[in-house]
Amino acid sequence: IVRYRPERLPAVATLFEWHPHTFDWQKHRGMDYRYFIVRHHGAVPSMLFSEADCKPVAVTASGSWTLYEHRRCP
């Protein structure tokens, strides 16, 4: 179970997972997250993290799932 403090609620709304194509780095505060789990069929779109100053890096993959880690910029 995950509980968020009221001032730290996630920027993504419930049911967002059904509309991942609407992900926006700024709007959904991508910089606040360390990990992203992406399910894909075929290549992951190159524009997925296009607005990030330092794009998340693929750490591992299994089947149609890839784990990305957002590392802070040097």
PDB file of N, CA and C in Angstrom:
ATOM      1  N   ILE A   1       0.855  -1.175   0.000  1.00  0.00           N
ATOM      2  CA  ILE A   1       0.000   0.000   0.000  1.00  0.00           C
ATOM      3  C   ILE A   1       0.896   1.230   0.000  1.00  0.00           C
ATOM      4  N   VAL A   2       0.541   2.163  -0.833  1.00  0.00           N
ATOM      5  CA  VAL A   2       1.272   3.429  -0.914  1.00  0.00           C
ATOM      6  C   VAL A   2       0.336   4.541  -0.504  1.00  0.00           C
ATOM      7  N   ARG A   3       0.806   5.380   0.387  1.00  0.00           N
ATOM      8  CA  ARG A   3       0.027   6.552   0.799  1.00  0.00           C
ATOM      9  C   ARG A   3       0.876   7.787   0.544  1.00  0.00           C
ATOM     10  N   TYR A   4       0.271   8.764  -0.072  1.00  0.00           N
ATOM     11  CA  TYR A   4       0.976  10.003  -0.380  1.00  0.00           C
ATOM     12  C   TYR A   4       0.532  11.109   0.564  1.00  0.00           C
ATOM     13  N   ARG A   5       1.449  11.969   0.888  1.00  0.00           N
ATOM     14  CA  ARG A   5       1.079  13.163   1.639  1.00  0.00           C
ATOM     15  C   ARG A   5       0.244  14.035   0.705  1.00  0.00           C
ATOM     16  N   PRO A   6      -0.731  14.767   1.234  1.00  0.00           N
ATOM     17  CA  PRO A   6      -1.586  15.597   0.368  1.00  0.00           C
ATOM     18  C   PRO A   6      -0.797  16.548  -0.533  1.00  0.00           C
ATOM     19  N   GLU A   7       0.307  17.065  -0.041  1.00  0.00           N
ATOM     20  CA  GLU A   7       1.088  18.002  -0.853  1.00  0.00           C
ATOM     21  C   GLU A   7       2.001  17.308  -1.863  1.00  0.00           C
ATOM     22  N   ARG A   8       2.043  15.972  -1.835  1.00  0.00           N
ATOM     23  CA  ARG A   8       2.909  15.213  -2.751  1.00  0.00           C
ATOM     24  C   ARG A   8       2.133  14.200  -3.592  1.00  0.00           C
ATOM     25  N   LEU A   9       0.867  14.456  -3.853  1.00  0.00           N
ATOM     26  CA  LEU A   9       0.070  13.548  -4.674  1.00  0.00           C
ATOM     27  C   LEU A   9       0.681  13.425  -6.061  1.00  0.00           C
ATOM     28  N   PRO A  10       0.617  12.258  -6.682  1.00  0.00           N
ATOM     29  CA  PRO A  10       1.171  12.088  -8.019  1.00  0.00           C
ATOM     30  C   PRO A  10       0.436  12.969  -9.033  1.00  0.00           C
ATOM     31  N   ALA A  11       1.170  13.363 -10.060  1.00  0.00           N
ATOM     32  CA  ALA A  11       0.593  14.228 -11.097  1.00  0.00           C
ATOM     33  C   ALA A  11      -0.266  13.452 -12.082  1.00  0.00           C
ATOM     34  N   VAL A  12      -0.168  12.146 -12.086  1.00  0.00           N
ATOM     35  CA  VAL A  12      -0.985  11.336 -12.991  1.00  0.00           C
ATOM     36  C   VAL A  12      -2.259  10.918 -12.274  1.00  0.00           C
ATOM     37  N   ALA A  13      -3.338  10.943 -12.988  1.00  0.00           N
ATOM     38  CA  ALA A  13      -4.631  10.603 -12.400  1.00  0.00           C
ATOM     39  C   ALA A  13      -4.896   9.102 -12.500  1.00  0.00           C
ATOM     40  N   THR A  14      -5.822   8.642 -11.704  1.00  0.00           N
ATOM     41  CA  THR A  14      -6.257   7.256 -11.782  1.00  0.00           C
ATOM     42  C   THR A  14      -6.741   6.965 -13.199  1.00  0.00           C
ATOM     43  N   LEU A  15      -6.458   5.793 -13.683  1.00  0.00           N
ATOM     44  CA  LEU A  15      -6.808   5.311 -15.025  1.00  0.00           C
ATOM     45  C   LEU A  15      -5.896   5.867 -16.111  1.00  0.00           C
ATOM     46  N   PHE A  16      -4.860   6.627 -15.718  1.00  0.00           N
ATOM     47  CA  PHE A  16      -3.886   7.129 -16.689  1.00  0.00           C
ATOM     48  C   PHE A  16      -3.265   5.978 -17.476  1.00  0.00           C
ATOM     49  N   GLU A  17      -3.071   4.842 -16.814  1.00  0.00           N
ATOM     50  CA  GLU A  17      -2.412   3.708 -17.457  1.00  0.00           C
ATOM     51  C   GLU A  17      -3.114   3.236 -18.730  1.00  0.00           C
ATOM     52  N   TRP A  18      -4.375   3.585 -18.899  1.00  0.00           N
ATOM     53  CA  TRP A  18      -5.111   3.214 -20.109  1.00  0.00           C
ATOM     54  C   TRP A  18      -4.882   4.217 -21.240  1.00  0.00           C
ATOM     55  N   HIS A  19      -4.201   5.313 -20.942  1.00  0.00           N
ATOM     56  CA  HIS A  19      -3.943   6.350 -21.956  1.00  0.00           C
ATOM     57  C   HIS A  19      -2.494   6.826 -21.885  1.00  0.00           C
ATOM     58  N   PRO A  20      -1.534   5.899 -21.940  1.00  0.00           N
ATOM     59  CA  PRO A  20      -0.132   6.293 -21.764  1.00  0.00           C
ATOM     60  C   PRO A  20       0.371   7.233 -22.852  1.00  0.00           C
ATOM     61  N   HIS A  21      -0.256   7.227 -24.002  1.00  0.00           N
ATOM     62  CA  HIS A  21       0.160   8.114 -25.091  1.00  0.00           C
ATOM     63  C   HIS A  21      -0.038   9.589 -24.737  1.00  0.00           C
ATOM     64  N   THR A  22      -0.769   9.877 -23.661  1.00  0.00           N
ATOM     65  CA  THR A  22      -0.989  11.263 -23.255  1.00  0.00           C
ATOM     66  C   THR A  22       0.084  11.747 -22.271  1.00  0.00           C
ATOM     67  N   PHE A  23       1.077  10.892 -21.970  1.00  0.00           N
ATOM     68  CA  PHE A  23       2.114  11.275 -21.019  1.00  0.00           C
ATOM     69  C   PHE A  23       2.858  12.504 -21.498  1.00  0.00           C
ATOM     70  N   ASP A  24       3.005  13.463 -20.605  1.00  0.00           N
ATOM     71  CA  ASP A  24       3.725  14.704 -20.886  1.00  0.00           C
ATOM     72  C   ASP A  24       4.701  14.938 -19.738  1.00  0.00           C
ATOM     73  N   TRP A  25       5.982  15.023 -20.045  1.00  0.00           N
ATOM     74  CA  TRP A  25       7.028  15.122 -19.023  1.00  0.00           C
ATOM     75  C   TRP A  25       6.776  16.261 -18.048  1.00  0.00           C
ATOM     76  N   GLN A  26       6.416  17.431 -18.554  1.00  0.00           N
ATOM     77  CA  GLN A  26       6.192  18.592 -17.693  1.00  0.00           C
ATOM     78  C   GLN A  26       4.873  18.474 -16.928  1.00  0.00           C
ATOM     79  N   LYS A  27       3.808  18.221 -17.642  1.00  0.00           N
ATOM     80  CA  LYS A  27       2.477  18.160 -17.030  1.00  0.00           C
ATOM     81  C   LYS A  27       2.381  17.092 -15.941  1.00  0.00           C
ATOM     82  N   HIS A  28       2.976  15.936 -16.195  1.00  0.00           N
ATOM     83  CA  HIS A  28       2.901  14.818 -15.257  1.00  0.00           C
ATOM     84  C   HIS A  28       4.122  14.737 -14.338  1.00  0.00           C
ATOM     85  N   ARG A  29       4.915  15.782 -14.318  1.00  0.00           N
ATOM     86  CA  ARG A  29       6.078  15.910 -13.437  1.00  0.00           C
ATOM     87  C   ARG A  29       6.990  14.675 -13.492  1.00  0.00           C
ATOM     88  N   GLY A  30       7.374  14.301 -14.691  1.00  0.00           N
ATOM     89  CA  GLY A  30       8.253  13.152 -14.875  1.00  0.00           C
ATOM     90  C   GLY A  30       9.535  13.245 -14.074  1.00  0.00           C
ATOM     91  N   MET A  31      10.005  14.470 -13.857  1.00  0.00           N
ATOM     92  CA  MET A  31      11.248  14.662 -13.101  1.00  0.00           C
ATOM     93  C   MET A  31      11.129  14.237 -11.638  1.00  0.00           C
ATOM     94  N   ASP A  32       9.920  14.047 -11.141  1.00  0.00           N
ATOM     95  CA  ASP A  32       9.711  13.635  -9.753  1.00  0.00           C
ATOM     96  C   ASP A  32       9.818  12.119  -9.561  1.00  0.00           C
ATOM     97  N   TYR A  33       9.883  11.374 -10.649  1.00  0.00           N
ATOM     98  CA  TYR A  33       9.891   9.918 -10.570  1.00  0.00           C
ATOM     99  C   TYR A  33      11.266   9.367 -10.919  1.00  0.00           C
ATOM    100  N   ARG A  34      11.652   8.309 -10.254  1.00  0.00           N
ATOM    101  CA  ARG A  34      12.942   7.677 -10.543  1.00  0.00           C
ATOM    102  C   ARG A  34      12.788   6.553 -11.562  1.00  0.00           C
ATOM    103  N   TYR A  35      11.700   5.788 -11.458  1.00  0.00           N
ATOM    104  CA  TYR A  35      11.520   4.641 -12.349  1.00  0.00           C
ATOM    105  C   TYR A  35      10.248   4.759 -13.171  1.00  0.00           C
ATOM    106  N   PHE A  36      10.320   4.232 -14.388  1.00  0.00           N
ATOM    107  CA  PHE A  36       9.169   4.157 -15.287  1.00  0.00           C
ATOM    108  C   PHE A  36       9.122   2.739 -15.830  1.00  0.00           C
ATOM    109  N   ILE A  37       7.974   2.112 -15.744  1.00  0.00           N
ATOM    110  CA  ILE A  37       7.790   0.778 -16.311  1.00  0.00           C
ATOM    111  C   ILE A  37       6.933   0.955 -17.548  1.00  0.00           C
ATOM    112  N   VAL A  38       7.480   0.533 -18.684  1.00  0.00           N
ATOM    113  CA  VAL A  38       6.816   0.765 -19.969  1.00  0.00           C
ATOM    114  C   VAL A  38       6.524  -0.567 -20.641  1.00  0.00           C
ATOM    115  N   ARG A  39       5.271  -0.757 -21.006  1.00  0.00           N
ATOM    116  CA  ARG A  39       4.883  -1.934 -21.782  1.00  0.00           C
ATOM    117  C   ARG A  39       4.765  -1.494 -23.228  1.00  0.00           C
ATOM    118  N   HIS A  40       5.319  -2.279 -24.123  1.00  0.00           N
ATOM    119  CA  HIS A  40       5.343  -1.888 -25.528  1.00  0.00           C
ATOM    120  C   HIS A  40       5.295  -3.117 -26.420  1.00  0.00           C
ATOM    121  N   HIS A  41       4.844  -2.904 -27.607  1.00  0.00           N
ATOM    122  CA  HIS A  41       4.859  -3.937 -28.652  1.00  0.00           C
ATOM    123  C   HIS A  41       5.670  -3.335 -29.782  1.00  0.00           C
ATOM    124  N   GLY A  42       6.860  -3.825 -29.978  1.00  0.00           N
ATOM    125  CA  GLY A  42       7.765  -3.231 -30.954  1.00  0.00           C
ATOM    126  C   GLY A  42       8.645  -2.203 -30.259  1.00  0.00           C
ATOM    127  N   ALA A  43       9.235  -1.330 -31.038  1.00  0.00           N
ATOM    128  CA  ALA A  43      10.154  -0.326 -30.497  1.00  0.00           C
ATOM    129  C   ALA A  43       9.410   0.713 -29.651  1.00  0.00           C
ATOM    130  N   VAL A  44      10.064   1.155 -28.582  1.00  0.00           N
ATOM    131  CA  VAL A  44       9.504   2.217 -27.744  1.00  0.00           C
ATOM    132  C   VAL A  44       9.673   3.523 -28.518  1.00  0.00           C
ATOM    133  N   PRO A  45       8.631   4.335 -28.627  1.00  0.00           N
ATOM    134  CA  PRO A  45       8.744   5.596 -29.377  1.00  0.00           C
ATOM    135  C   PRO A  45       9.880   6.470 -28.854  1.00  0.00           C
ATOM    136  N   SER A  46      10.701   7.000 -29.747  1.00  0.00           N
ATOM    137  CA  SER A  46      11.841   7.826 -29.349  1.00  0.00           C
ATOM    138  C   SER A  46      11.403   9.107 -28.652  1.00  0.00           C
ATOM    139  N   MET A  47      10.175   9.542 -28.886  1.00  0.00           N
ATOM    140  CA  MET A  47       9.693  10.783 -28.294  1.00  0.00           C
ATOM    141  C   MET A  47       9.091  10.584 -26.895  1.00  0.00           C
ATOM    142  N   LEU A  48       9.150   9.361 -26.369  1.00  0.00           N
ATOM    143  CA  LEU A  48       8.528   9.060 -25.083  1.00  0.00           C
ATOM    144  C   LEU A  48       8.985  10.008 -23.976  1.00  0.00           C
ATOM    145  N   PHE A  49      10.278  10.236 -23.863  1.00  0.00           N
ATOM    146  CA  PHE A  49      10.808  11.110 -22.818  1.00  0.00           C
ATOM    147  C   PHE A  49      11.481  12.344 -23.441  1.00  0.00           C
ATOM    148  N   SER A  50      10.997  12.784 -24.576  1.00  0.00           N
ATOM    149  CA  SER A  50      11.663  13.833 -25.343  1.00  0.00           C
ATOM    150  C   SER A  50      11.810  15.161 -24.608  1.00  0.00           C
ATOM    151  N   GLU A  51      10.944  15.467 -23.666  1.00  0.00           N
ATOM    152  CA  GLU A  51      11.023  16.746 -22.962  1.00  0.00           C
ATOM    153  C   GLU A  51      11.939  16.711 -21.741  1.00  0.00           C
ATOM    154  N   ALA A  52      12.461  15.545 -21.405  1.00  0.00           N
ATOM    155  CA  ALA A  52      13.316  15.414 -20.216  1.00  0.00           C
ATOM    156  C   ALA A  52      14.692  16.011 -20.480  1.00  0.00           C
ATOM    157  N   ASP A  53      15.211  16.740 -19.503  1.00  0.00           N
ATOM    158  CA  ASP A  53      16.571  17.272 -19.620  1.00  0.00           C
ATOM    159  C   ASP A  53      17.570  16.125 -19.712  1.00  0.00           C
ATOM    160  N   CYS A  54      17.416  15.135 -18.851  1.00  0.00           N
ATOM    161  CA  CYS A  54      18.219  13.920 -18.883  1.00  0.00           C
ATOM    162  C   CYS A  54      17.237  12.762 -19.036  1.00  0.00           C
ATOM    163  N   LYS A  55      17.212  12.165 -20.202  1.00  0.00           N
ATOM    164  CA  LYS A  55      16.227  11.127 -20.491  1.00  0.00           C
ATOM    165  C   LYS A  55      16.459   9.879 -19.653  1.00  0.00           C
ATOM    166  N   PRO A  56      15.377   9.252 -19.189  1.00  0.00           N
ATOM    167  CA  PRO A  56      15.507   7.977 -18.478  1.00  0.00           C
ATOM    168  C   PRO A  56      16.211   6.945 -19.358  1.00  0.00           C
ATOM    169  N   VAL A  57      16.953   6.068 -18.707  1.00  0.00           N
ATOM    170  CA  VAL A  57      17.758   5.060 -19.385  1.00  0.00           C
ATOM    171  C   VAL A  57      17.146   3.688 -19.145  1.00  0.00           C
ATOM    172  N   ALA A  58      17.085   2.870 -20.191  1.00  0.00           N
ATOM    173  CA  ALA A  58      16.585   1.501 -20.039  1.00  0.00           C
ATOM    174  C   ALA A  58      17.549   0.718 -19.153  1.00  0.00           C
ATOM    175  N   VAL A  59      17.012   0.102 -18.098  1.00  0.00           N
ATOM    176  CA  VAL A  59      17.830  -0.644 -17.143  1.00  0.00           C
ATOM    177  C   VAL A  59      17.743  -2.135 -17.420  1.00  0.00           C
ATOM    178  N   THR A  60      16.531  -2.615 -17.651  1.00  0.00           N
ATOM    179  CA  THR A  60      16.328  -4.032 -17.933  1.00  0.00           C
ATOM    180  C   THR A  60      15.025  -4.186 -18.702  1.00  0.00           C
ATOM    181  N   ALA A  61      14.884  -5.310 -19.364  1.00  0.00           N
ATOM    182  CA  ALA A  61      13.673  -5.582 -20.123  1.00  0.00           C
ATOM    183  C   ALA A  61      13.341  -7.063 -20.031  1.00  0.00           C
ATOM    184  N   SER A  62      12.040  -7.343 -20.119  1.00  0.00           N
ATOM    185  CA  SER A  62      11.569  -8.716 -20.130  1.00  0.00           C
ATOM    186  C   SER A  62      10.306  -8.764 -20.970  1.00  0.00           C
ATOM    187  N   GLY A  63      10.377  -9.472 -22.073  1.00  0.00           N
ATOM    188  CA  GLY A  63       9.222  -9.538 -22.971  1.00  0.00           C
ATOM    189  C   GLY A  63       8.852  -8.155 -23.463  1.00  0.00           C
ATOM    190  N   SER A  64       7.607  -7.774 -23.258  1.00  0.00           N
ATOM    191  CA  SER A  64       7.135  -6.476 -23.738  1.00  0.00           C
ATOM    192  C   SER A  64       7.228  -5.381 -22.671  1.00  0.00           C
ATOM    193  N   TRP A  65       7.996  -5.613 -21.613  1.00  0.00           N
ATOM    194  CA  TRP A  65       8.147  -4.641 -20.528  1.00  0.00           C
ATOM    195  C   TRP A  65       9.589  -4.154 -20.446  1.00  0.00           C
ATOM    196  N   THR A  66       9.760  -2.853 -20.237  1.00  0.00           N
ATOM    197  CA  THR A  66      11.088  -2.274 -20.052  1.00  0.00           C
ATOM    198  C   THR A  66      11.064  -1.367 -18.839  1.00  0.00           C
ATOM    199  N   LEU A  67      12.079  -1.489 -17.994  1.00  0.00           N
ATOM    200  CA  LEU A  67      12.221  -0.626 -16.820  1.00  0.00           C
ATOM    201  C   LEU A  67      13.218   0.468 -17.166  1.00  0.00           C
ATOM    202  N   TYR A  68      12.801   1.719 -17.005  1.00  0.00           N
ATOM    203  CA  TYR A  68      13.655   2.878 -17.239  1.00  0.00           C
ATOM    204  C   TYR A  68      13.962   3.539 -15.906  1.00  0.00           C
ATOM    205  N   GLU A  69      15.185   4.057 -15.787  1.00  0.00           N
ATOM    206  CA  GLU A  69      15.569   4.796 -14.580  1.00  0.00           C
ATOM    207  C   GLU A  69      15.909   6.227 -14.975  1.00  0.00           C
ATOM    208  N   HIS A  70      15.324   7.156 -14.260  1.00  0.00           N
ATOM    209  CA  HIS A  70      15.616   8.573 -14.459  1.00  0.00           C
ATOM    210  C   HIS A  70      16.727   8.949 -13.509  1.00  0.00           C
ATOM    211  N   ARG A  71      17.879   9.234 -14.070  1.00  0.00           N
ATOM    212  CA  ARG A  71      19.049   9.620 -13.265  1.00  0.00           C
ATOM    213  C   ARG A  71      19.201  11.129 -13.347  1.00  0.00           C
ATOM    214  N   ARG A  72      19.601  11.719 -12.288  1.00  0.00           N
ATOM    215  CA  ARG A  72      19.781  13.167 -12.267  1.00  0.00           C
ATOM    216  C   ARG A  72      20.876  13.581 -13.232  1.00  0.00           C
ATOM    217  N   CYS A  73      20.748  14.741 -13.800  1.00  0.00           N
ATOM    218  CA  CYS A  73      21.746  15.262 -14.728  1.00  0.00           C
ATOM    219  C   CYS A  73      23.053  15.519 -13.990  1.00  0.00           C
ATOM    220  N   PRO A  74      24.157  15.250 -14.676  1.00  0.00           N
ATOM    221  CA  PRO A  74      25.468  15.489 -14.029  1.00  0.00           C
ATOM    222  C   PRO A  74      25.723  16.968 -13.809  1.00  0.00           C
TER     223      PRO A  74
END
